[in-house]
Amino acid sequence: MPPKAGADLHQVAQAAASSFGLLPAHHEDEPDRRSIPERLKTDPETVERDLIKLVLTIVELLRQLMERTALHRVDQGDLSEHQEERVGMTLMILEERMGELCDRYGLTMKDLNLDLGPLGSLLPPGSD
């Protein structure tokens, strides 16, 4: 389920940052920090893959938003037949390239779907 409308942006940012290891570990005996982390949790061995995962997650979210917008425009009759074909072909190619990039970096579409805790998943059902 995608994040609910009006969801607390701080919660979304915290969940996303946590998923990518960008927040320091929180210990039960420490107070909850509500500020920007002092340092990034990085591992030189995985930093490239983690960055690719973040970029591909954003690209996949945008791809799905574009797809929904295109379907809505088709349903409304806003596009000519030629425009519908071009949009459909473009979205198919983008989906194919996403699969190729995921394969190259050893990721699956499921890896790109961040769990935002009580807000649900970043990407809608059926994305993985």
N, C-alpha and C. Protein backbone atom coordinates (compact mmCIF):
# COMPACT_ATOMS: atom_id res chain seq x y z
N MET A 1 0.84 -1.16 0.00
CA MET A 1 0.00 0.00 0.00
C MET A 1 0.89 1.23 0.00
N PRO A 2 0.66 2.21 -0.91
CA PRO A 2 1.49 3.40 -0.94
C PRO A 2 1.23 4.25 0.29
N PRO A 3 2.16 5.15 0.62
CA PRO A 3 1.96 5.99 1.78
C PRO A 3 0.64 6.74 1.69
N LYS A 4 -0.01 6.90 2.82
CA LYS A 4 -1.29 7.58 2.86
C LYS A 4 -1.11 9.07 2.61
N ALA A 5 -2.11 9.69 1.97
CA ALA A 5 -2.06 11.12 1.72
C ALA A 5 -1.94 11.84 3.05
N GLY A 6 -1.12 12.86 3.09
CA GLY A 6 -0.94 13.63 4.30
C GLY A 6 -0.04 12.94 5.33
N ALA A 7 0.65 11.87 4.91
CA ALA A 7 1.53 11.16 5.83
C ALA A 7 2.63 12.11 6.29
N ASP A 8 3.08 11.92 7.51
CA ASP A 8 4.11 12.75 8.08
C ASP A 8 5.39 12.58 7.27
N LEU A 9 5.84 13.65 6.64
CA LEU A 9 7.03 13.60 5.80
C LEU A 9 8.26 13.15 6.59
N HIS A 10 8.31 13.53 7.84
CA HIS A 10 9.44 13.12 8.68
C HIS A 10 9.49 11.59 8.82
N GLN A 11 8.31 10.96 9.00
CA GLN A 11 8.26 9.50 9.12
C GLN A 11 8.73 8.84 7.83
N VAL A 12 8.30 9.38 6.68
CA VAL A 12 8.71 8.82 5.39
C VAL A 12 10.22 8.94 5.24
N ALA A 13 10.76 10.12 5.54
CA ALA A 13 12.20 10.33 5.41
C ALA A 13 12.98 9.42 6.35
N GLN A 14 12.51 9.28 7.58
CA GLN A 14 13.18 8.42 8.55
C GLN A 14 13.18 6.97 8.08
N ALA A 15 12.03 6.49 7.60
CA ALA A 15 11.94 5.10 7.15
C ALA A 15 12.83 4.86 5.94
N ALA A 16 12.82 5.80 4.99
CA ALA A 16 13.65 5.64 3.80
C ALA A 16 15.13 5.68 4.17
N ALA A 17 15.52 6.62 5.01
CA ALA A 17 16.92 6.73 5.43
C ALA A 17 17.36 5.47 6.17
N SER A 18 16.49 4.95 7.00
CA SER A 18 16.80 3.73 7.75
C SER A 18 16.98 2.55 6.81
N SER A 19 16.12 2.45 5.79
CA SER A 19 16.20 1.35 4.83
C SER A 19 17.52 1.34 4.07
N PHE A 20 18.07 2.53 3.84
CA PHE A 20 19.32 2.62 3.10
C PHE A 20 20.53 2.75 4.01
N GLY A 21 20.34 2.54 5.32
CA GLY A 21 21.46 2.59 6.25
C GLY A 21 22.04 3.97 6.43
N LEU A 22 21.22 5.00 6.26
CA LEU A 22 21.71 6.36 6.37
C LEU A 22 21.57 6.93 7.77
N LEU A 23 20.97 6.19 8.70
CA LEU A 23 20.81 6.64 10.06
C LEU A 23 21.70 5.82 10.98
N PRO A 24 22.25 6.47 12.00
CA PRO A 24 23.03 5.67 12.96
C PRO A 24 22.11 4.74 13.72
N ALA A 25 22.65 3.63 14.18
CA ALA A 25 21.84 2.66 14.93
C ALA A 25 21.28 3.32 16.18
N HIS A 26 20.02 3.05 16.49
CA HIS A 26 19.37 3.59 17.67
C HIS A 26 19.40 2.54 18.77
N HIS A 27 19.90 2.94 19.92
CA HIS A 27 19.95 2.03 21.05
C HIS A 27 18.84 2.38 22.01
N GLU A 28 18.26 1.37 22.65
CA GLU A 28 17.12 1.58 23.54
C GLU A 28 17.45 2.51 24.70
N ASP A 29 18.70 2.54 25.16
CA ASP A 29 19.04 3.38 26.29
C ASP A 29 19.31 4.83 25.90
N GLU A 30 19.29 5.13 24.58
CA GLU A 30 19.49 6.49 24.11
C GLU A 30 18.15 7.12 23.77
N PRO A 31 18.03 8.43 23.95
CA PRO A 31 16.80 9.10 23.55
C PRO A 31 16.67 9.09 22.03
N ASP A 32 15.43 9.11 21.53
CA ASP A 32 15.16 9.12 20.09
C ASP A 32 15.63 10.45 19.51
N ARG A 33 16.47 10.40 18.51
CA ARG A 33 16.96 11.62 17.87
C ARG A 33 16.01 12.02 16.75
N ARG A 34 15.61 13.26 16.73
CA ARG A 34 14.72 13.78 15.70
C ARG A 34 15.46 14.76 14.80
N SER A 35 16.78 14.72 14.80
CA SER A 35 17.55 15.63 13.98
C SER A 35 18.25 14.86 12.87
N ILE A 36 18.90 15.58 12.02
CA ILE A 36 19.65 14.97 10.92
C ILE A 36 20.79 14.15 11.53
N PRO A 37 21.00 12.94 11.03
CA PRO A 37 22.08 12.12 11.58
C PRO A 37 23.43 12.82 11.43
N GLU A 38 24.30 12.59 12.41
CA GLU A 38 25.60 13.23 12.40
C GLU A 38 26.52 12.63 11.34
N ARG A 39 26.30 11.40 11.00
CA ARG A 39 27.14 10.76 10.01
C ARG A 39 26.35 9.70 9.27
N LEU A 40 26.84 9.34 8.11
CA LEU A 40 26.21 8.30 7.32
C LEU A 40 26.81 6.96 7.67
N LYS A 41 25.97 5.95 7.71
CA LYS A 41 26.46 4.59 7.91
C LYS A 41 26.79 4.05 6.53
N THR A 42 28.07 4.01 6.21
CA THR A 42 28.48 3.57 4.89
C THR A 42 29.44 2.41 4.98
N ASP A 43 29.37 1.58 4.00
CA ASP A 43 30.28 0.45 3.88
C ASP A 43 30.90 0.57 2.49
N PRO A 44 32.22 0.77 2.41
CA PRO A 44 32.86 0.95 1.10
C PRO A 44 32.55 -0.18 0.11
N GLU A 45 32.27 -1.37 0.63
CA GLU A 45 32.00 -2.51 -0.23
C GLU A 45 30.62 -2.43 -0.88
N THR A 46 29.68 -1.76 -0.24
CA THR A 46 28.30 -1.74 -0.75
C THR A 46 27.80 -0.36 -1.13
N VAL A 47 28.63 0.66 -1.02
CA VAL A 47 28.15 2.02 -1.24
C VAL A 47 27.62 2.21 -2.68
N GLU A 48 28.28 1.62 -3.68
CA GLU A 48 27.82 1.77 -5.06
C GLU A 48 26.46 1.09 -5.24
N ARG A 49 26.33 -0.12 -4.72
CA ARG A 49 25.07 -0.86 -4.84
C ARG A 49 23.94 -0.13 -4.10
N ASP A 50 24.24 0.41 -2.92
CA ASP A 50 23.23 1.13 -2.15
C ASP A 50 22.78 2.39 -2.88
N LEU A 51 23.72 3.08 -3.51
CA LEU A 51 23.38 4.28 -4.27
C LEU A 51 22.52 3.92 -5.48
N ILE A 52 22.90 2.85 -6.18
CA ILE A 52 22.11 2.38 -7.32
C ILE A 52 20.71 1.99 -6.86
N LYS A 53 20.62 1.33 -5.72
CA LYS A 53 19.31 0.93 -5.18
C LYS A 53 18.44 2.15 -4.93
N LEU A 54 19.01 3.19 -4.34
CA LEU A 54 18.27 4.42 -4.07
C LEU A 54 17.80 5.07 -5.37
N VAL A 55 18.69 5.19 -6.33
CA VAL A 55 18.35 5.82 -7.61
C VAL A 55 17.28 5.00 -8.34
N LEU A 56 17.45 3.69 -8.39
CA LEU A 56 16.47 2.85 -9.07
C LEU A 56 15.11 2.86 -8.37
N THR A 57 15.10 2.99 -7.05
CA THR A 57 13.84 3.09 -6.32
C THR A 57 13.09 4.35 -6.75
N ILE A 58 13.81 5.45 -6.84
CA ILE A 58 13.19 6.72 -7.25
C ILE A 58 12.71 6.63 -8.70
N VAL A 59 13.54 6.07 -9.56
CA VAL A 59 13.16 5.93 -10.97
C VAL A 59 11.92 5.03 -11.11
N GLU A 60 11.87 3.94 -10.36
CA GLU A 60 10.71 3.04 -10.43
C GLU A 60 9.45 3.73 -9.94
N LEU A 61 9.56 4.49 -8.87
CA LEU A 61 8.41 5.24 -8.38
C LEU A 61 7.91 6.21 -9.45
N LEU A 62 8.82 6.94 -10.08
CA LEU A 62 8.44 7.88 -11.14
C LEU A 62 7.85 7.15 -12.35
N ARG A 63 8.43 6.00 -12.70
CA ARG A 63 7.92 5.22 -13.83
C ARG A 63 6.47 4.81 -13.57
N GLN A 64 6.20 4.35 -12.36
CA GLN A 64 4.83 3.93 -12.04
C GLN A 64 3.87 5.11 -12.02
N LEU A 65 4.33 6.26 -11.55
CA LEU A 65 3.48 7.45 -11.59
C LEU A 65 3.18 7.87 -13.03
N MET A 66 4.20 7.80 -13.89
CA MET A 66 4.01 8.13 -15.31
C MET A 66 3.02 7.16 -15.95
N GLU A 67 3.15 5.88 -15.61
CA GLU A 67 2.25 4.87 -16.16
C GLU A 67 0.81 5.13 -15.75
N ARG A 68 0.60 5.44 -14.48
CA ARG A 68 -0.76 5.74 -14.01
C ARG A 68 -1.33 6.98 -14.69
N THR A 69 -0.49 8.00 -14.84
CA THR A 69 -0.92 9.23 -15.51
C THR A 69 -1.30 8.94 -16.95
N ALA A 70 -0.47 8.14 -17.63
CA ALA A 70 -0.76 7.79 -19.03
C ALA A 70 -2.06 7.01 -19.14
N LEU A 71 -2.27 6.04 -18.24
CA LEU A 71 -3.52 5.27 -18.27
C LEU A 71 -4.73 6.17 -18.03
N HIS A 72 -4.58 7.11 -17.12
CA HIS A 72 -5.66 8.05 -16.84
C HIS A 72 -5.97 8.90 -18.08
N ARG A 73 -4.90 9.37 -18.75
CA ARG A 73 -5.10 10.18 -19.96
C ARG A 73 -5.74 9.36 -21.08
N VAL A 74 -5.38 8.10 -21.19
CA VAL A 74 -5.99 7.22 -22.19
C VAL A 74 -7.47 7.05 -21.87
N ASP A 75 -7.78 6.78 -20.59
CA ASP A 75 -9.18 6.61 -20.17
C ASP A 75 -10.00 7.87 -20.44
N GLN A 76 -9.37 9.03 -20.30
CA GLN A 76 -10.07 10.30 -20.52
C GLN A 76 -10.16 10.65 -22.00
N GLY A 77 -9.43 9.94 -22.85
CA GLY A 77 -9.44 10.22 -24.28
C GLY A 77 -8.59 11.43 -24.65
N ASP A 78 -7.61 11.76 -23.81
CA ASP A 78 -6.77 12.93 -24.04
C ASP A 78 -5.67 12.70 -25.07
N LEU A 79 -5.40 11.45 -25.42
CA LEU A 79 -4.29 11.14 -26.31
C LEU A 79 -4.79 10.59 -27.64
N SER A 80 -4.05 10.94 -28.70
CA SER A 80 -4.37 10.35 -30.00
C SER A 80 -3.86 8.91 -29.99
N GLU A 81 -4.27 8.16 -30.99
CA GLU A 81 -3.82 6.77 -31.09
C GLU A 81 -2.31 6.69 -31.20
N HIS A 82 -1.73 7.59 -31.99
CA HIS A 82 -0.27 7.63 -32.15
C HIS A 82 0.41 7.95 -30.82
N GLN A 83 -0.12 8.92 -30.06
CA GLN A 83 0.45 9.26 -28.75
C GLN A 83 0.34 8.09 -27.78
N GLU A 84 -0.78 7.38 -27.81
CA GLU A 84 -0.95 6.22 -26.95
C GLU A 84 0.11 5.17 -27.24
N GLU A 85 0.38 4.93 -28.53
CA GLU A 85 1.39 3.94 -28.92
C GLU A 85 2.78 4.36 -28.45
N ARG A 86 3.11 5.64 -28.62
CA ARG A 86 4.43 6.14 -28.21
C ARG A 86 4.62 6.05 -26.69
N VAL A 87 3.60 6.45 -25.96
CA VAL A 87 3.68 6.39 -24.50
C VAL A 87 3.81 4.93 -24.05
N GLY A 88 2.99 4.06 -24.61
CA GLY A 88 3.05 2.64 -24.26
C GLY A 88 4.41 2.04 -24.55
N MET A 89 4.97 2.35 -25.72
CA MET A 89 6.28 1.82 -26.10
C MET A 89 7.36 2.37 -25.16
N THR A 90 7.30 3.65 -24.86
CA THR A 90 8.29 4.26 -23.97
C THR A 90 8.24 3.62 -22.59
N LEU A 91 7.05 3.41 -22.06
CA LEU A 91 6.92 2.80 -20.73
C LEU A 91 7.40 1.35 -20.74
N MET A 92 7.15 0.63 -21.82
CA MET A 92 7.63 -0.75 -21.92
C MET A 92 9.16 -0.79 -21.95
N ILE A 93 9.77 0.11 -22.71
CA ILE A 93 11.22 0.16 -22.80
C ILE A 93 11.82 0.53 -21.45
N LEU A 94 11.22 1.51 -20.77
CA LEU A 94 11.72 1.91 -19.45
C LEU A 94 11.62 0.76 -18.46
N GLU A 95 10.53 0.01 -18.48
CA GLU A 95 10.38 -1.13 -17.59
C GLU A 95 11.45 -2.19 -17.89
N GLU A 96 11.70 -2.40 -19.18
CA GLU A 96 12.73 -3.37 -19.59
C GLU A 96 14.11 -2.93 -19.10
N ARG A 97 14.42 -1.65 -19.26
CA ARG A 97 15.73 -1.13 -18.82
C ARG A 97 15.87 -1.23 -17.30
N MET A 98 14.79 -1.00 -16.59
CA MET A 98 14.83 -1.14 -15.13
C MET A 98 15.21 -2.57 -14.76
N GLY A 99 14.61 -3.54 -15.45
CA GLY A 99 14.95 -4.93 -15.20
C GLY A 99 16.41 -5.23 -15.48
N GLU A 100 16.93 -4.67 -16.57
CA GLU A 100 18.33 -4.87 -16.93
C GLU A 100 19.27 -4.28 -15.87
N LEU A 101 18.94 -3.07 -15.39
CA LEU A 101 19.77 -2.43 -14.37
C LEU A 101 19.71 -3.20 -13.05
N CYS A 102 18.53 -3.68 -12.71
CA CYS A 102 18.42 -4.50 -11.49
C CYS A 102 19.26 -5.75 -11.61
N ASP A 103 19.21 -6.41 -12.76
CA ASP A 103 20.01 -7.61 -12.98
C ASP A 103 21.51 -7.29 -12.87
N ARG A 104 21.93 -6.19 -13.46
CA ARG A 104 23.34 -5.81 -13.46
C ARG A 104 23.87 -5.63 -12.04
N TYR A 105 23.04 -5.08 -11.15
CA TYR A 105 23.49 -4.81 -9.78
C TYR A 105 22.97 -5.82 -8.76
N GLY A 106 22.42 -6.93 -9.24
CA GLY A 106 21.99 -7.99 -8.34
C GLY A 106 20.80 -7.59 -7.48
N LEU A 107 19.92 -6.77 -8.02
CA LEU A 107 18.72 -6.33 -7.29
C LEU A 107 17.48 -6.91 -7.92
N THR A 108 16.42 -6.98 -7.14
CA THR A 108 15.12 -7.35 -7.67
C THR A 108 14.19 -6.17 -7.46
N MET A 109 13.04 -6.20 -8.11
CA MET A 109 12.07 -5.11 -7.92
C MET A 109 11.62 -5.09 -6.46
N LYS A 110 11.61 -6.25 -5.82
CA LYS A 110 11.23 -6.32 -4.41
C LYS A 110 12.23 -5.54 -3.54
N ASP A 111 13.52 -5.55 -3.93
CA ASP A 111 14.54 -4.80 -3.20
C ASP A 111 14.27 -3.30 -3.24
N LEU A 112 13.62 -2.84 -4.29
CA LEU A 112 13.37 -1.41 -4.46
C LEU A 112 12.14 -0.93 -3.69
N ASN A 113 11.35 -1.84 -3.19
CA ASN A 113 10.12 -1.48 -2.50
C ASN A 113 10.39 -1.30 -1.01
N LEU A 114 10.59 -0.05 -0.60
CA LEU A 114 10.93 0.24 0.79
C LEU A 114 9.73 0.07 1.70
N ASP A 115 10.00 -0.51 2.86
CA ASP A 115 8.97 -0.64 3.89
C ASP A 115 9.01 0.63 4.73
N LEU A 116 7.94 1.40 4.70
CA LEU A 116 7.88 2.65 5.44
C LEU A 116 7.17 2.49 6.78
N GLY A 117 7.21 1.28 7.31
CA GLY A 117 6.61 1.02 8.62
C GLY A 117 5.11 1.20 8.61
N PRO A 118 4.59 2.01 9.53
CA PRO A 118 3.14 2.18 9.63
C PRO A 118 2.52 2.85 8.41
N LEU A 119 3.36 3.45 7.57
CA LEU A 119 2.84 4.11 6.36
C LEU A 119 2.63 3.13 5.21
N GLY A 120 3.15 1.92 5.34
CA GLY A 120 3.02 0.93 4.28
C GLY A 120 4.26 0.88 3.41
N SER A 121 4.10 0.31 2.23
CA SER A 121 5.20 0.19 1.29
C SER A 121 5.26 1.42 0.40
N LEU A 122 6.48 1.75 -0.07
CA LEU A 122 6.66 2.90 -0.93
C LEU A 122 5.96 2.69 -2.27
N LEU A 123 6.18 1.51 -2.85
CA LEU A 123 5.60 1.21 -4.16
C LEU A 123 4.30 0.43 -3.97
N PRO A 124 3.35 0.63 -4.86
CA PRO A 124 2.05 -0.06 -4.73
C PRO A 124 2.18 -1.56 -4.89
N PRO A 125 1.14 -2.31 -4.42
CA PRO A 125 1.15 -3.77 -4.58
C PRO A 125 1.31 -4.16 -6.05
N GLY A 126 1.99 -5.27 -6.26
CA GLY A 126 2.20 -5.74 -7.63
C GLY A 126 3.46 -5.16 -8.24
N SER A 127 4.19 -4.32 -7.51
CA SER A 127 5.41 -3.71 -8.02
C SER A 127 6.58 -4.66 -7.99
N ASP A 128 6.50 -5.65 -7.13
CA ASP A 128 7.62 -6.56 -6.97
C ASP A 128 7.31 -7.82 -7.68
